[in-house]
Amino acid sequence: MSARYGLLAISSRFYRWRSQGIWQEILNRLQQTADAADQIDWEVHFIDSTINQADKNKLVFKCQQN
């Protein structure tokens, strides 16, 4: 993600899209497309829900350097 957008703009858009259900709609459409092309095995599937916490101080410093 380009630093020109700024951290606040990026996070604001992410949370706004989440609250509006846009991410869920994207997932639904991807699944529908893959299912129509017979590319999903519904017997075996998972979603990785790993969360990694970024060090905000390092991230802000790096964005300010660019």
PDB file of N, CA and C in Angstrom:
ATOM      1  N   MET A   1       0.855  -1.170   0.000  1.00  0.00           N
ATOM      2  CA  MET A   1       0.000   0.000   0.000  1.00  0.00           C
ATOM      3  C   MET A   1       0.900   1.232   0.000  1.00  0.00           C
ATOM      4  N   SER A   2       0.597   2.145  -0.845  1.00  0.00           N
ATOM      5  CA  SER A   2       1.406   3.356  -0.967  1.00  0.00           C
ATOM      6  C   SER A   2       1.253   4.246   0.268  1.00  0.00           C
ATOM      7  N   ALA A   3       2.370   4.814   0.728  1.00  0.00           N
ATOM      8  CA  ALA A   3       2.343   5.691   1.898  1.00  0.00           C
ATOM      9  C   ALA A   3       1.629   7.000   1.605  1.00  0.00           C
ATOM     10  N   ARG A   4       1.433   7.318   0.337  1.00  0.00           N
ATOM     11  CA  ARG A   4       0.799   8.604  -0.001  1.00  0.00           C
ATOM     12  C   ARG A   4      -0.653   8.682   0.476  1.00  0.00           C
ATOM     13  N   TYR A   5      -1.280   7.546   0.717  1.00  0.00           N
ATOM     14  CA  TYR A   5      -2.654   7.548   1.195  1.00  0.00           C
ATOM     15  C   TYR A   5      -2.743   7.865   2.684  1.00  0.00           C
ATOM     16  N   GLY A   6      -1.705   7.547   3.432  1.00  0.00           N
ATOM     17  CA  GLY A   6      -1.707   7.795   4.866  1.00  0.00           C
ATOM     18  C   GLY A   6      -2.402   6.685   5.633  1.00  0.00           C
ATOM     19  N   LEU A   7      -1.927   6.468   6.838  1.00  0.00           N
ATOM     20  CA  LEU A   7      -2.459   5.381   7.665  1.00  0.00           C
ATOM     21  C   LEU A   7      -3.922   5.578   8.026  1.00  0.00           C
ATOM     22  N   LEU A   8      -4.293   6.817   8.321  1.00  0.00           N
ATOM     23  CA  LEU A   8      -5.667   7.082   8.721  1.00  0.00           C
ATOM     24  C   LEU A   8      -6.634   6.800   7.578  1.00  0.00           C
ATOM     25  N   ALA A   9      -6.282   7.213   6.381  1.00  0.00           N
ATOM     26  CA  ALA A   9      -7.152   6.975   5.228  1.00  0.00           C
ATOM     27  C   ALA A   9      -7.306   5.486   4.951  1.00  0.00           C
ATOM     28  N   ILE A  10      -6.212   4.745   5.036  1.00  0.00           N
ATOM     29  CA  ILE A  10      -6.251   3.309   4.767  1.00  0.00           C
ATOM     30  C   ILE A  10      -7.094   2.587   5.812  1.00  0.00           C
ATOM     31  N   SER A  11      -6.850   2.858   7.077  1.00  0.00           N
ATOM     32  CA  SER A  11      -7.607   2.167   8.121  1.00  0.00           C
ATOM     33  C   SER A  11      -9.068   2.596   8.114  1.00  0.00           C
ATOM     34  N   SER A  12      -9.324   3.877   7.841  1.00  0.00           N
ATOM     35  CA  SER A  12     -10.711   4.349   7.786  1.00  0.00           C
ATOM     36  C   SER A  12     -11.488   3.627   6.688  1.00  0.00           C
ATOM     37  N   ARG A  13     -10.854   3.503   5.520  1.00  0.00           N
ATOM     38  CA  ARG A  13     -11.517   2.817   4.415  1.00  0.00           C
ATOM     39  C   ARG A  13     -11.740   1.348   4.748  1.00  0.00           C
ATOM     40  N   PHE A  14     -10.745   0.682   5.345  1.00  0.00           N
ATOM     41  CA  PHE A  14     -10.895  -0.724   5.702  1.00  0.00           C
ATOM     42  C   PHE A  14     -12.085  -0.920   6.641  1.00  0.00           C
ATOM     43  N   TYR A  15     -12.164  -0.129   7.710  1.00  0.00           N
ATOM     44  CA  TYR A  15     -13.238  -0.302   8.685  1.00  0.00           C
ATOM     45  C   TYR A  15     -14.594   0.109   8.123  1.00  0.00           C
ATOM     46  N   ARG A  16     -14.607   1.117   7.258  1.00  0.00           N
ATOM     47  CA  ARG A  16     -15.864   1.524   6.625  1.00  0.00           C
ATOM     48  C   ARG A  16     -16.371   0.415   5.718  1.00  0.00           C
ATOM     49  N   TRP A  17     -15.463  -0.163   4.914  1.00  0.00           N
ATOM     50  CA  TRP A  17     -15.861  -1.259   4.035  1.00  0.00           C
ATOM     51  C   TRP A  17     -16.326  -2.466   4.838  1.00  0.00           C
ATOM     52  N   ARG A  18     -15.659  -2.716   5.966  1.00  0.00           N
ATOM     53  CA  ARG A  18     -16.066  -3.847   6.803  1.00  0.00           C
ATOM     54  C   ARG A  18     -17.472  -3.620   7.341  1.00  0.00           C
ATOM     55  N   SER A  19     -17.743  -2.434   7.842  1.00  0.00           N
ATOM     56  CA  SER A  19     -19.063  -2.160   8.429  1.00  0.00           C
ATOM     57  C   SER A  19     -20.163  -2.154   7.372  1.00  0.00           C
ATOM     58  N   GLN A  20     -19.818  -1.856   6.126  1.00  0.00           N
ATOM     59  CA  GLN A  20     -20.787  -1.849   5.030  1.00  0.00           C
ATOM     60  C   GLN A  20     -20.954  -3.228   4.391  1.00  0.00           C
ATOM     61  N   GLY A  21     -20.157  -4.194   4.829  1.00  0.00           N
ATOM     62  CA  GLY A  21     -20.267  -5.551   4.310  1.00  0.00           C
ATOM     63  C   GLY A  21     -19.576  -5.759   2.971  1.00  0.00           C
ATOM     64  N   ILE A  22     -18.722  -4.825   2.568  1.00  0.00           N
ATOM     65  CA  ILE A  22     -18.051  -4.926   1.267  1.00  0.00           C
ATOM     66  C   ILE A  22     -17.095  -6.109   1.231  1.00  0.00           C
ATOM     67  N   TRP A  23     -16.322  -6.317   2.301  1.00  0.00           N
ATOM     68  CA  TRP A  23     -15.379  -7.447   2.317  1.00  0.00           C
ATOM     69  C   TRP A  23     -16.123  -8.775   2.233  1.00  0.00           C
ATOM     70  N   GLN A  24     -17.246  -8.881   2.914  1.00  0.00           N
ATOM     71  CA  GLN A  24     -18.039 -10.114   2.860  1.00  0.00           C
ATOM     72  C   GLN A  24     -18.570 -10.337   1.445  1.00  0.00           C
ATOM     73  N   GLU A  25     -18.996  -9.252   0.798  1.00  0.00           N
ATOM     74  CA  GLU A  25     -19.496  -9.359  -0.571  1.00  0.00           C
ATOM     75  C   GLU A  25     -18.387  -9.785  -1.535  1.00  0.00           C
ATOM     76  N   ILE A  26     -17.191  -9.262  -1.339  1.00  0.00           N
ATOM     77  CA  ILE A  26     -16.053  -9.673  -2.168  1.00  0.00           C
ATOM     78  C   ILE A  26     -15.797 -11.171  -2.001  1.00  0.00           C
ATOM     79  N   LEU A  27     -15.771 -11.638  -0.759  1.00  0.00           N
ATOM     80  CA  LEU A  27     -15.562 -13.067  -0.509  1.00  0.00           C
ATOM     81  C   LEU A  27     -16.666 -13.897  -1.144  1.00  0.00           C
ATOM     82  N   ASN A  28     -17.912 -13.467  -0.992  1.00  0.00           N
ATOM     83  CA  ASN A  28     -19.036 -14.210  -1.574  1.00  0.00           C
ATOM     84  C   ASN A  28     -18.911 -14.328  -3.088  1.00  0.00           C
ATOM     85  N   ARG A  29     -18.566 -13.226  -3.737  1.00  0.00           N
ATOM     86  CA  ARG A  29     -18.450 -13.247  -5.201  1.00  0.00           C
ATOM     87  C   ARG A  29     -17.268 -14.098  -5.665  1.00  0.00           C
ATOM     88  N   LEU A  30     -16.165 -14.025  -4.940  1.00  0.00           N
ATOM     89  CA  LEU A  30     -15.019 -14.878  -5.288  1.00  0.00           C
ATOM     90  C   LEU A  30     -15.385 -16.357  -5.158  1.00  0.00           C
ATOM     91  N   GLN A  31     -16.099 -16.690  -4.091  1.00  0.00           N
ATOM     92  CA  GLN A  31     -16.513 -18.073  -3.899  1.00  0.00           C
ATOM     93  C   GLN A  31     -17.488 -18.512  -4.984  1.00  0.00           C
ATOM     94  N   GLN A  32     -18.430 -17.647  -5.339  1.00  0.00           N
ATOM     95  CA  GLN A  32     -19.401 -17.987  -6.384  1.00  0.00           C
ATOM     96  C   GLN A  32     -18.701 -18.218  -7.725  1.00  0.00           C
ATOM     97  N   THR A  33     -17.749 -17.350  -8.053  1.00  0.00           N
ATOM     98  CA  THR A  33     -17.017 -17.478  -9.313  1.00  0.00           C
ATOM     99  C   THR A  33     -16.209 -18.770  -9.340  1.00  0.00           C
ATOM    100  N   ALA A  34     -15.509 -19.046  -8.249  1.00  0.00           N
ATOM    101  CA  ALA A  34     -14.701 -20.267  -8.177  1.00  0.00           C
ATOM    102  C   ALA A  34     -15.584 -21.513  -8.187  1.00  0.00           C
ATOM    103  N   ASP A  35     -16.725 -21.446  -7.519  1.00  0.00           N
ATOM    104  CA  ASP A  35     -17.631 -22.593  -7.483  1.00  0.00           C
ATOM    105  C   ASP A  35     -18.203 -22.856  -8.873  1.00  0.00           C
ATOM    106  N   ALA A  36     -18.555 -21.799  -9.599  1.00  0.00           N
ATOM    107  CA  ALA A  36     -19.095 -21.963 -10.952  1.00  0.00           C
ATOM    108  C   ALA A  36     -18.065 -22.581 -11.886  1.00  0.00           C
ATOM    109  N   ALA A  37     -16.788 -22.316 -11.630  1.00  0.00           N
ATOM    110  CA  ALA A  37     -15.708 -22.892 -12.443  1.00  0.00           C
ATOM    111  C   ALA A  37     -15.228 -24.225 -11.876  1.00  0.00           C
ATOM    112  N   ASP A  38     -15.953 -24.751 -10.896  1.00  0.00           N
ATOM    113  CA  ASP A  38     -15.615 -26.018 -10.245  1.00  0.00           C
ATOM    114  C   ASP A  38     -14.190 -26.009  -9.677  1.00  0.00           C
ATOM    115  N   GLN A  39     -13.825 -24.902  -9.043  1.00  0.00           N
ATOM    116  CA  GLN A  39     -12.494 -24.753  -8.467  1.00  0.00           C
ATOM    117  C   GLN A  39     -12.497 -24.804  -6.939  1.00  0.00           C
ATOM    118  N   ILE A  40     -13.635 -25.093  -6.349  1.00  0.00           N
ATOM    119  CA  ILE A  40     -13.722 -25.181  -4.890  1.00  0.00           C
ATOM    120  C   ILE A  40     -14.147 -26.591  -4.501  1.00  0.00           C
ATOM    121  N   ASP A  41     -13.401 -27.157  -3.577  1.00  0.00           N
ATOM    122  CA  ASP A  41     -13.790 -28.430  -2.983  1.00  0.00           C
ATOM    123  C   ASP A  41     -14.440 -28.082  -1.645  1.00  0.00           C
ATOM    124  N   TRP A  42     -15.763 -28.103  -1.606  1.00  0.00           N
ATOM    125  CA  TRP A  42     -16.484 -27.672  -0.407  1.00  0.00           C
ATOM    126  C   TRP A  42     -16.312 -28.641   0.762  1.00  0.00           C
ATOM    127  N   GLU A  43     -15.720 -29.789   0.499  1.00  0.00           N
ATOM    128  CA  GLU A  43     -15.465 -30.742   1.569  1.00  0.00           C
ATOM    129  C   GLU A  43     -14.236 -30.341   2.395  1.00  0.00           C
ATOM    130  N   VAL A  44     -13.294 -29.634   1.771  1.00  0.00           N
ATOM    131  CA  VAL A  44     -12.065 -29.234   2.454  1.00  0.00           C
ATOM    132  C   VAL A  44     -11.839 -27.754   2.184  1.00  0.00           C
ATOM    133  N   HIS A  45     -12.021 -26.936   3.193  1.00  0.00           N
ATOM    134  CA  HIS A  45     -11.752 -25.510   3.039  1.00  0.00           C
ATOM    135  C   HIS A  45     -11.506 -24.876   4.405  1.00  0.00           C
ATOM    136  N   PHE A  46     -10.764 -23.818   4.407  1.00  0.00           N
ATOM    137  CA  PHE A  46     -10.519 -23.074   5.633  1.00  0.00           C
ATOM    138  C   PHE A  46     -10.101 -21.659   5.272  1.00  0.00           C
ATOM    139  N   ILE A  47     -10.224 -20.775   6.216  1.00  0.00           N
ATOM    140  CA  ILE A  47      -9.760 -19.397   6.069  1.00  0.00           C
ATOM    141  C   ILE A  47      -8.788 -19.130   7.199  1.00  0.00           C
ATOM    142  N   ASP A  48      -7.626 -18.639   6.852  1.00  0.00           N
ATOM    143  CA  ASP A  48      -6.615 -18.319   7.860  1.00  0.00           C
ATOM    144  C   ASP A  48      -7.017 -17.029   8.560  1.00  0.00           C
ATOM    145  N   SER A  49      -7.223 -17.089   9.841  1.00  0.00           N
ATOM    146  CA  SER A  49      -7.621 -15.900  10.593  1.00  0.00           C
ATOM    147  C   SER A  49      -6.489 -15.395  11.478  1.00  0.00           C
ATOM    148  N   THR A  50      -5.252 -15.650  11.059  1.00  0.00           N
ATOM    149  CA  THR A  50      -4.095 -15.180  11.813  1.00  0.00           C
ATOM    150  C   THR A  50      -4.051 -13.662  11.796  1.00  0.00           C
ATOM    151  N   ILE A  51      -3.748 -13.090  12.929  1.00  0.00           N
ATOM    152  CA  ILE A  51      -3.650 -11.630  13.041  1.00  0.00           C
ATOM    153  C   ILE A  51      -2.245 -11.285  13.511  1.00  0.00           C
ATOM    154  N   ASN A  52      -1.600 -10.376  12.818  1.00  0.00           N
ATOM    155  CA  ASN A  52      -0.281  -9.895  13.208  1.00  0.00           C
ATOM    156  C   ASN A  52      -0.385  -8.419  13.555  1.00  0.00           C
ATOM    157  N   GLN A  53       0.048  -8.074  14.743  1.00  0.00           N
ATOM    158  CA  GLN A  53       0.005  -6.688  15.203  1.00  0.00           C
ATOM    159  C   GLN A  53       1.238  -5.945  14.690  1.00  0.00           C
ATOM    160  N   ALA A  54       1.022  -4.864  13.978  1.00  0.00           N
ATOM    161  CA  ALA A  54       2.126  -4.044  13.486  1.00  0.00           C
ATOM    162  C   ALA A  54       2.582  -3.079  14.572  1.00  0.00           C
ATOM    163  N   ASP A  55       3.863  -2.807  14.587  1.00  0.00           N
ATOM    164  CA  ASP A  55       4.405  -1.809  15.499  1.00  0.00           C
ATOM    165  C   ASP A  55       4.107  -0.434  14.904  1.00  0.00           C
ATOM    166  N   LYS A  56       3.160   0.284  15.500  1.00  0.00           N
ATOM    167  CA  LYS A  56       2.690   1.553  14.938  1.00  0.00           C
ATOM    168  C   LYS A  56       3.797   2.593  14.857  1.00  0.00           C
ATOM    169  N   ASN A  57       4.687   2.615  15.818  1.00  0.00           N
ATOM    170  CA  ASN A  57       5.759   3.604  15.796  1.00  0.00           C
ATOM    171  C   ASN A  57       6.673   3.397  14.593  1.00  0.00           C
ATOM    172  N   LYS A  58       7.032   2.161  14.315  1.00  0.00           N
ATOM    173  CA  LYS A  58       7.892   1.867  13.167  1.00  0.00           C
ATOM    174  C   LYS A  58       7.171   2.163  11.860  1.00  0.00           C
ATOM    175  N   LEU A  59       5.891   1.855  11.808  1.00  0.00           N
ATOM    176  CA  LEU A  59       5.117   2.078  10.590  1.00  0.00           C
ATOM    177  C   LEU A  59       4.980   3.567  10.284  1.00  0.00           C
ATOM    178  N   VAL A  60       4.683   4.360  11.306  1.00  0.00           N
ATOM    179  CA  VAL A  60       4.557   5.806  11.110  1.00  0.00           C
ATOM    180  C   VAL A  60       5.899   6.389  10.690  1.00  0.00           C
ATOM    181  N   PHE A  61       6.980   5.960  11.313  1.00  0.00           N
ATOM    182  CA  PHE A  61       8.312   6.449  10.973  1.00  0.00           C
ATOM    183  C   PHE A  61       8.638   6.115   9.530  1.00  0.00           C
ATOM    184  N   LYS A  62       8.320   4.893   9.101  1.00  0.00           N
ATOM    185  CA  LYS A  62       8.633   4.476   7.744  1.00  0.00           C
ATOM    186  C   LYS A  62       7.823   5.289   6.740  1.00  0.00           C
ATOM    187  N   CYS A  63       6.559   5.556   7.030  1.00  0.00           N
ATOM    188  CA  CYS A  63       5.718   6.333   6.123  1.00  0.00           C
ATOM    189  C   CYS A  63       6.197   7.778   6.028  1.00  0.00           C
ATOM    190  N   GLN A  64       6.702   8.318   7.112  1.00  0.00           N
ATOM    191  CA  GLN A  64       7.177   9.698   7.118  1.00  0.00           C
ATOM    192  C   GLN A  64       8.466   9.833   6.323  1.00  0.00           C
ATOM    193  N   GLN A  65       9.244   8.763   6.216  1.00  0.00           N
ATOM    194  CA  GLN A  65      10.492   8.798   5.467  1.00  0.00           C
ATOM    195  C   GLN A  65      10.265   8.877   3.960  1.00  0.00           C
ATOM    196  N   ASN A  66       9.154   8.341   3.502  1.00  0.00           N
ATOM    197  CA  ASN A  66       8.868   8.293   2.050  1.00  0.00           C
ATOM    198  C   ASN A  66       8.306   9.573   1.587  1.00  0.00           C
TER     199      ASN A  66
END
